């Protein structure tokens, strides 16, 4: 998914990671091992681009805050309860609901 300003793309991968690609610099600006299985879906949560939602075949939804990645790659929140993999996440882009 593209950021609202069109400068970045966030993507999930089969190596259990989330990638944020900086289009202007033409490089990966963030990579974190986010789940224990394929990351099926990701999106920016708000216009700031700091919050990212992800869903995976590990049955978890996670919330990531890029401002907290200094020294540790841990989610800001983990949403449990799905019985099968999460295949779609979409955001209202307000940082609260998805």
Protein backbone atom coordinates (compact mmCIF):
# COMPACT_ATOMS: atom_id res chain seq x y z
CA UNK A 1 0.00 0.00 0.00
CA UNK A 2 1.12 3.54 -0.73
CA UNK A 3 1.43 6.18 1.96
CA UNK A 4 -0.95 9.12 1.67
CA UNK A 5 1.83 11.39 0.41
CA UNK A 6 2.96 8.79 -2.15
CA UNK A 7 6.55 8.75 -0.88
CA UNK A 8 6.55 5.25 0.61
CA UNK A 9 5.15 1.79 -0.02
CA UNK A 10 4.56 -0.74 2.77
CA UNK A 11 4.60 -4.43 1.87
CA UNK A 12 4.35 -7.80 3.59
CA UNK A 13 6.42 -10.77 2.49
CA UNK A 14 6.75 -14.52 2.67
CA UNK A 15 9.87 -14.14 4.84
CA UNK A 16 7.58 -13.09 7.75
CA UNK A 17 8.66 -9.45 7.40
CA UNK A 18 7.25 -6.01 6.76
CA UNK A 19 9.13 -3.74 4.38
CA UNK A 20 8.76 0.01 3.96
CA UNK A 21 10.28 1.23 0.72
CA UNK A 22 11.22 4.90 0.30
CA UNK A 23 10.39 5.73 -3.31
CA UNK A 24 12.32 9.02 -3.38
CA UNK A 25 15.55 7.50 -2.00
CA UNK A 26 14.98 4.26 -3.94
CA UNK A 27 15.80 2.07 -0.93
CA UNK A 28 14.27 0.02 1.86
CA UNK A 29 13.87 2.34 4.83
CA UNK A 30 12.51 -0.28 7.22
CA UNK A 31 12.50 -4.05 7.48
CA UNK A 32 11.28 -5.92 10.52
CA UNK A 33 10.48 -9.57 11.13
CA UNK A 34 6.87 -9.03 12.08
CA UNK A 35 5.22 -12.45 12.30
CA UNK A 36 5.97 -16.17 12.50
CA UNK A 37 4.39 -16.88 9.13
CA UNK A 38 3.72 -15.16 5.79
CA UNK A 39 2.59 -11.53 6.09
CA UNK A 40 -0.53 -11.39 3.91
CA UNK A 41 -1.68 -7.81 4.34
CA UNK A 42 -0.36 -4.46 5.51
CA UNK A 43 -1.48 -0.84 5.44
CA UNK A 44 -0.62 2.53 6.89
CA UNK A 45 -2.99 3.37 9.75
CA UNK A 46 -2.94 7.13 9.41
CA UNK A 47 -1.64 10.00 7.33
CA UNK A 48 1.56 10.34 9.38
CA UNK A 49 2.87 6.99 8.16
CA UNK A 50 4.10 6.14 11.67
CA UNK A 51 1.47 3.48 12.39
CA UNK A 52 1.25 0.29 10.33
CA UNK A 53 -1.25 -2.56 10.59
CA UNK A 54 -0.30 -6.10 9.54
CA UNK A 55 -2.05 -9.46 9.25
CA UNK A 56 -0.51 -12.88 8.80
CA UNK A 57 -1.02 -16.61 8.42
CA UNK A 58 -0.04 -16.86 12.11
CA UNK A 59 -3.65 -15.72 12.87
CA UNK A 60 -2.52 -12.42 14.36
CA UNK A 61 -3.14 -8.79 13.55
CA UNK A 62 -0.44 -6.41 14.75
CA UNK A 63 -0.03 -2.68 15.16
CA UNK A 64 3.44 -1.22 14.56
CA UNK A 65 4.64 2.22 15.61
CA UNK A 66 7.73 3.24 13.65
CA UNK A 67 8.65 5.83 16.29
CA UNK A 68 9.32 2.95 18.74
CA UNK A 69 11.69 0.94 16.53
CA UNK A 70 14.90 2.39 17.97
CA UNK A 71 16.69 -0.61 19.47
CA UNK A 72 13.74 -3.01 19.38
CA UNK A 73 11.38 -4.31 16.73
CA UNK A 74 8.30 -5.09 18.80
CA UNK A 75 4.68 -4.37 17.92
CA UNK A 76 2.76 -1.67 19.75
CA UNK A 77 -0.19 -4.06 19.89
CA UNK A 78 -1.16 -7.63 19.05
CA UNK A 79 -4.73 -8.55 18.17
CA UNK A 80 -5.55 -12.19 18.84
CA UNK A 81 -8.70 -14.19 18.19
CA UNK A 82 -8.71 -15.12 14.52
CA UNK A 83 -9.05 -18.85 13.93
CA UNK A 84 -7.33 -18.67 10.56
CA UNK A 85 -4.85 -16.41 8.83
CA UNK A 86 -5.64 -12.72 8.38
CA UNK A 87 -5.82 -11.97 4.67
CA UNK A 88 -7.10 -8.39 4.47
CA UNK A 89 -6.63 -5.26 6.54
CA UNK A 90 -7.83 -1.81 5.55
CA UNK A 91 -7.67 1.41 7.51
CA UNK A 92 -9.97 4.39 7.91
CA UNK A 93 -6.65 6.32 8.06
CA UNK A 94 -7.58 7.87 11.40
CA UNK A 95 -5.09 5.80 13.44
CA UNK A 96 -7.87 4.16 15.46
CA UNK A 97 -10.07 1.93 13.32
CA UNK A 98 -9.35 -0.71 10.71
